[in-house]
């Protein structure tokens, strides 16, 4: 994969995973709950980091490139936190 393909795939959000029929209802329920908790925690962390780092709507209006860069950095770090706290335990 070339550098352009890697950067595009890194920005593309993951599609929801469909559980095979062999996975029990309890497991699917657990995974759905974990997914919801991770999404809620991600939103919370992103919001806190935005406030702490001054990545605001005012910055977005004034300097869109800086805002996008800041948000990309925040989201990436927040996702790593979620993975280490909730997924890779």
N, C-alpha and C. Protein backbone atom coordinates (compact mmCIF):
# COMPACT_ATOMS: atom_id res chain seq x y z
N UNK A 1 0.83 -1.17 0.00
CA UNK A 1 0.00 0.00 0.00
C UNK A 1 0.88 1.24 0.00
N UNK A 2 0.62 2.17 -0.88
CA UNK A 2 1.40 3.39 -0.95
C UNK A 2 1.04 4.36 0.15
N UNK A 3 1.81 5.44 0.27
CA UNK A 3 1.57 6.40 1.35
C UNK A 3 0.19 7.05 1.25
N UNK A 4 -0.32 7.28 0.03
CA UNK A 4 -1.64 7.90 -0.11
C UNK A 4 -2.73 6.96 0.37
N UNK A 5 -2.61 5.68 0.06
CA UNK A 5 -3.62 4.71 0.48
C UNK A 5 -3.61 4.54 2.00
N UNK A 6 -2.43 4.59 2.60
CA UNK A 6 -2.34 4.46 4.05
C UNK A 6 -2.98 5.65 4.73
N UNK A 7 -2.75 6.86 4.25
CA UNK A 7 -3.32 8.03 4.90
C UNK A 7 -4.83 8.07 4.74
N UNK A 8 -5.34 7.61 3.61
CA UNK A 8 -6.79 7.58 3.41
C UNK A 8 -7.42 6.55 4.32
N UNK A 9 -6.81 5.35 4.42
CA UNK A 9 -7.39 4.31 5.28
C UNK A 9 -7.30 4.70 6.74
N UNK A 10 -6.30 5.47 7.13
CA UNK A 10 -6.18 5.90 8.51
C UNK A 10 -7.27 6.90 8.88
N UNK A 11 -7.75 7.67 7.90
CA UNK A 11 -8.79 8.66 8.17
C UNK A 11 -10.18 8.09 8.04
N UNK A 12 -10.33 6.95 7.38
CA UNK A 12 -11.64 6.37 7.17
C UNK A 12 -12.10 5.69 8.44
N UNK A 13 -13.28 6.09 8.97
CA UNK A 13 -13.75 5.43 10.19
C UNK A 13 -14.06 3.96 9.94
N UNK A 14 -13.84 3.17 10.96
CA UNK A 14 -14.10 1.73 10.85
C UNK A 14 -15.60 1.48 10.72
N UNK A 15 -15.94 0.51 9.90
CA UNK A 15 -17.34 0.13 9.76
C UNK A 15 -17.73 -0.71 10.95
N UNK A 16 -19.01 -0.64 11.35
CA UNK A 16 -19.45 -1.50 12.45
C UNK A 16 -19.24 -2.97 12.08
N UNK A 17 -18.81 -3.74 13.04
CA UNK A 17 -18.55 -5.16 12.82
C UNK A 17 -19.85 -5.93 13.04
N UNK A 18 -20.18 -6.79 12.08
CA UNK A 18 -21.35 -7.64 12.22
C UNK A 18 -20.92 -8.94 12.88
N UNK A 19 -21.58 -9.29 13.97
CA UNK A 19 -21.25 -10.53 14.67
C UNK A 19 -21.82 -11.71 13.89
N UNK A 20 -21.05 -12.76 13.71
CA UNK A 20 -21.58 -13.94 13.04
C UNK A 20 -22.68 -14.58 13.88
N UNK A 21 -23.50 -15.37 13.23
CA UNK A 21 -24.63 -16.02 13.91
C UNK A 21 -24.16 -16.94 15.02
N UNK A 22 -22.94 -17.44 14.93
CA UNK A 22 -22.44 -18.36 15.95
C UNK A 22 -22.12 -17.66 17.27
N UNK A 23 -22.02 -16.32 17.25
CA UNK A 23 -21.75 -15.58 18.47
C UNK A 23 -23.06 -15.46 19.24
N UNK A 24 -23.02 -15.83 20.51
CA UNK A 24 -24.23 -15.85 21.33
C UNK A 24 -24.80 -14.47 21.59
N UNK A 25 -26.06 -14.45 21.96
CA UNK A 25 -26.76 -13.19 22.24
C UNK A 25 -26.09 -12.44 23.39
N UNK A 26 -25.61 -13.15 24.38
CA UNK A 26 -24.94 -12.52 25.52
C UNK A 26 -23.68 -11.80 25.06
N UNK A 27 -22.92 -12.41 24.19
CA UNK A 27 -21.70 -11.80 23.68
C UNK A 27 -22.02 -10.56 22.86
N UNK A 28 -23.03 -10.65 22.00
CA UNK A 28 -23.43 -9.50 21.19
C UNK A 28 -23.88 -8.35 22.09
N UNK A 29 -24.64 -8.66 23.13
CA UNK A 29 -25.11 -7.63 24.06
C UNK A 29 -23.92 -6.99 24.77
N UNK A 30 -22.97 -7.81 25.21
CA UNK A 30 -21.77 -7.30 25.86
C UNK A 30 -20.99 -6.37 24.93
N UNK A 31 -20.81 -6.80 23.69
CA UNK A 31 -20.06 -5.98 22.73
C UNK A 31 -20.79 -4.69 22.40
N UNK A 32 -22.10 -4.74 22.30
CA UNK A 32 -22.89 -3.53 22.04
C UNK A 32 -22.76 -2.56 23.21
N UNK A 33 -22.83 -3.07 24.43
CA UNK A 33 -22.66 -2.23 25.61
C UNK A 33 -21.27 -1.62 25.67
N UNK A 34 -20.25 -2.42 25.39
CA UNK A 34 -18.88 -1.93 25.39
C UNK A 34 -18.69 -0.85 24.34
N UNK A 35 -19.28 -1.05 23.16
CA UNK A 35 -19.19 -0.06 22.10
C UNK A 35 -19.83 1.26 22.52
N UNK A 36 -21.00 1.18 23.15
CA UNK A 36 -21.69 2.39 23.60
C UNK A 36 -20.89 3.10 24.68
N UNK A 37 -20.34 2.35 25.62
CA UNK A 37 -19.52 2.94 26.68
C UNK A 37 -18.27 3.61 26.10
N UNK A 38 -17.65 2.96 25.14
CA UNK A 38 -16.44 3.52 24.52
C UNK A 38 -16.77 4.80 23.77
N UNK A 39 -17.90 4.83 23.06
CA UNK A 39 -18.29 6.04 22.32
C UNK A 39 -18.58 7.19 23.29
N UNK A 40 -19.27 6.89 24.39
CA UNK A 40 -19.56 7.93 25.39
C UNK A 40 -18.28 8.45 26.02
N UNK A 41 -17.38 7.55 26.37
CA UNK A 41 -16.10 7.94 26.98
C UNK A 41 -15.26 8.75 26.00
N UNK A 42 -15.28 8.37 24.72
CA UNK A 42 -14.53 9.10 23.70
C UNK A 42 -15.04 10.53 23.59
N UNK A 43 -16.36 10.70 23.55
CA UNK A 43 -16.94 12.04 23.46
C UNK A 43 -16.54 12.89 24.67
N UNK A 44 -16.54 12.28 25.84
CA UNK A 44 -16.17 12.99 27.07
C UNK A 44 -14.70 13.42 27.03
N UNK A 45 -13.82 12.51 26.66
CA UNK A 45 -12.39 12.82 26.61
C UNK A 45 -12.11 13.90 25.57
N UNK A 46 -12.71 13.78 24.39
CA UNK A 46 -12.51 14.77 23.33
C UNK A 46 -12.95 16.15 23.82
N UNK A 47 -14.09 16.22 24.45
CA UNK A 47 -14.61 17.49 24.96
C UNK A 47 -13.66 18.11 25.99
N UNK A 48 -13.17 17.29 26.91
CA UNK A 48 -12.25 17.77 27.93
C UNK A 48 -10.94 18.26 27.31
N UNK A 49 -10.43 17.53 26.33
CA UNK A 49 -9.18 17.92 25.69
C UNK A 49 -9.36 19.20 24.87
N UNK A 50 -10.51 19.33 24.20
CA UNK A 50 -10.77 20.54 23.44
C UNK A 50 -10.72 21.76 24.36
N UNK A 51 -11.38 21.65 25.49
CA UNK A 51 -11.41 22.76 26.43
C UNK A 51 -10.02 23.07 26.97
N UNK A 52 -9.28 22.04 27.35
CA UNK A 52 -7.95 22.22 27.92
C UNK A 52 -6.96 22.82 26.92
N UNK A 53 -7.13 22.48 25.63
CA UNK A 53 -6.17 22.92 24.62
C UNK A 53 -6.64 24.12 23.81
N UNK A 54 -7.84 24.62 24.11
CA UNK A 54 -8.35 25.81 23.42
C UNK A 54 -8.75 25.58 21.98
N UNK A 55 -9.13 24.37 21.65
CA UNK A 55 -9.61 24.06 20.30
C UNK A 55 -11.11 24.30 20.30
N UNK A 56 -11.49 25.54 20.00
CA UNK A 56 -12.87 25.99 20.15
C UNK A 56 -13.51 26.32 18.80
N UNK A 57 -14.79 26.61 18.85
CA UNK A 57 -15.49 27.06 17.65
C UNK A 57 -14.93 28.40 17.17
N UNK A 58 -14.45 29.22 18.09
CA UNK A 58 -13.82 30.49 17.72
C UNK A 58 -12.57 30.23 16.88
N UNK A 59 -11.76 29.26 17.31
CA UNK A 59 -10.57 28.89 16.53
C UNK A 59 -10.99 28.35 15.17
N UNK A 60 -12.04 27.58 15.14
CA UNK A 60 -12.53 27.02 13.87
C UNK A 60 -12.91 28.13 12.90
N UNK A 61 -13.56 29.18 13.40
CA UNK A 61 -13.95 30.31 12.55
C UNK A 61 -12.73 31.13 12.12
N UNK A 62 -11.75 31.24 12.99
CA UNK A 62 -10.58 32.07 12.73
C UNK A 62 -9.52 31.36 11.89
N UNK A 63 -9.27 30.08 12.19
CA UNK A 63 -8.19 29.34 11.53
C UNK A 63 -8.59 27.88 11.40
N UNK A 64 -9.28 27.56 10.31
CA UNK A 64 -9.82 26.22 10.14
C UNK A 64 -8.74 25.14 10.10
N UNK A 65 -7.63 25.44 9.49
CA UNK A 65 -6.56 24.44 9.39
C UNK A 65 -6.01 24.09 10.77
N UNK A 66 -5.80 25.09 11.61
CA UNK A 66 -5.33 24.84 12.97
C UNK A 66 -6.37 24.05 13.75
N UNK A 67 -7.65 24.36 13.56
CA UNK A 67 -8.71 23.65 14.26
C UNK A 67 -8.74 22.18 13.84
N UNK A 68 -8.66 21.92 12.54
CA UNK A 68 -8.67 20.54 12.05
C UNK A 68 -7.46 19.78 12.58
N UNK A 69 -6.30 20.40 12.55
CA UNK A 69 -5.10 19.76 13.08
C UNK A 69 -5.24 19.45 14.57
N UNK A 70 -5.77 20.40 15.31
CA UNK A 70 -5.98 20.19 16.74
C UNK A 70 -6.98 19.08 17.02
N UNK A 71 -8.08 19.07 16.27
CA UNK A 71 -9.10 18.04 16.46
C UNK A 71 -8.59 16.66 16.07
N UNK A 72 -7.82 16.58 15.00
CA UNK A 72 -7.24 15.29 14.59
C UNK A 72 -6.31 14.75 15.68
N UNK A 73 -5.50 15.63 16.23
CA UNK A 73 -4.58 15.24 17.30
C UNK A 73 -5.36 14.78 18.53
N UNK A 74 -6.36 15.55 18.92
CA UNK A 74 -7.17 15.21 20.09
C UNK A 74 -7.88 13.88 19.89
N UNK A 75 -8.51 13.70 18.76
CA UNK A 75 -9.25 12.46 18.51
C UNK A 75 -8.31 11.25 18.52
N UNK A 76 -7.17 11.39 17.90
CA UNK A 76 -6.21 10.29 17.87
C UNK A 76 -5.76 9.91 19.27
N UNK A 77 -5.42 10.89 20.08
CA UNK A 77 -4.99 10.61 21.45
C UNK A 77 -6.12 10.04 22.30
N UNK A 78 -7.32 10.56 22.11
CA UNK A 78 -8.48 10.07 22.85
C UNK A 78 -8.77 8.61 22.49
N UNK A 79 -8.68 8.28 21.20
CA UNK A 79 -8.90 6.89 20.78
C UNK A 79 -7.86 5.96 21.40
N UNK A 80 -6.61 6.40 21.49
CA UNK A 80 -5.58 5.59 22.12
C UNK A 80 -5.88 5.36 23.60
N UNK A 81 -6.39 6.39 24.26
CA UNK A 81 -6.77 6.26 25.67
C UNK A 81 -7.87 5.22 25.82
N UNK A 82 -8.90 5.30 24.97
CA UNK A 82 -10.01 4.35 25.01
C UNK A 82 -9.50 2.93 24.78
N UNK A 83 -8.66 2.76 23.79
CA UNK A 83 -8.15 1.43 23.49
C UNK A 83 -7.37 0.86 24.68
N UNK A 84 -6.55 1.68 25.30
CA UNK A 84 -5.75 1.17 26.42
C UNK A 84 -6.57 0.97 27.68
N UNK A 85 -7.61 1.80 27.91
CA UNK A 85 -8.42 1.69 29.12
C UNK A 85 -9.50 0.62 29.02
N UNK A 86 -10.12 0.49 27.85
CA UNK A 86 -11.32 -0.32 27.76
C UNK A 86 -11.20 -1.56 26.87
N UNK A 87 -10.37 -1.50 25.87
CA UNK A 87 -10.33 -2.58 24.88
C UNK A 87 -9.19 -3.54 25.13
N UNK A 88 -7.98 -3.04 25.29
CA UNK A 88 -6.81 -3.90 25.44
C UNK A 88 -6.49 -4.14 26.91
N UNK A 89 -7.44 -4.62 27.67
CA UNK A 89 -7.21 -4.86 29.10
C UNK A 89 -7.02 -6.33 29.37
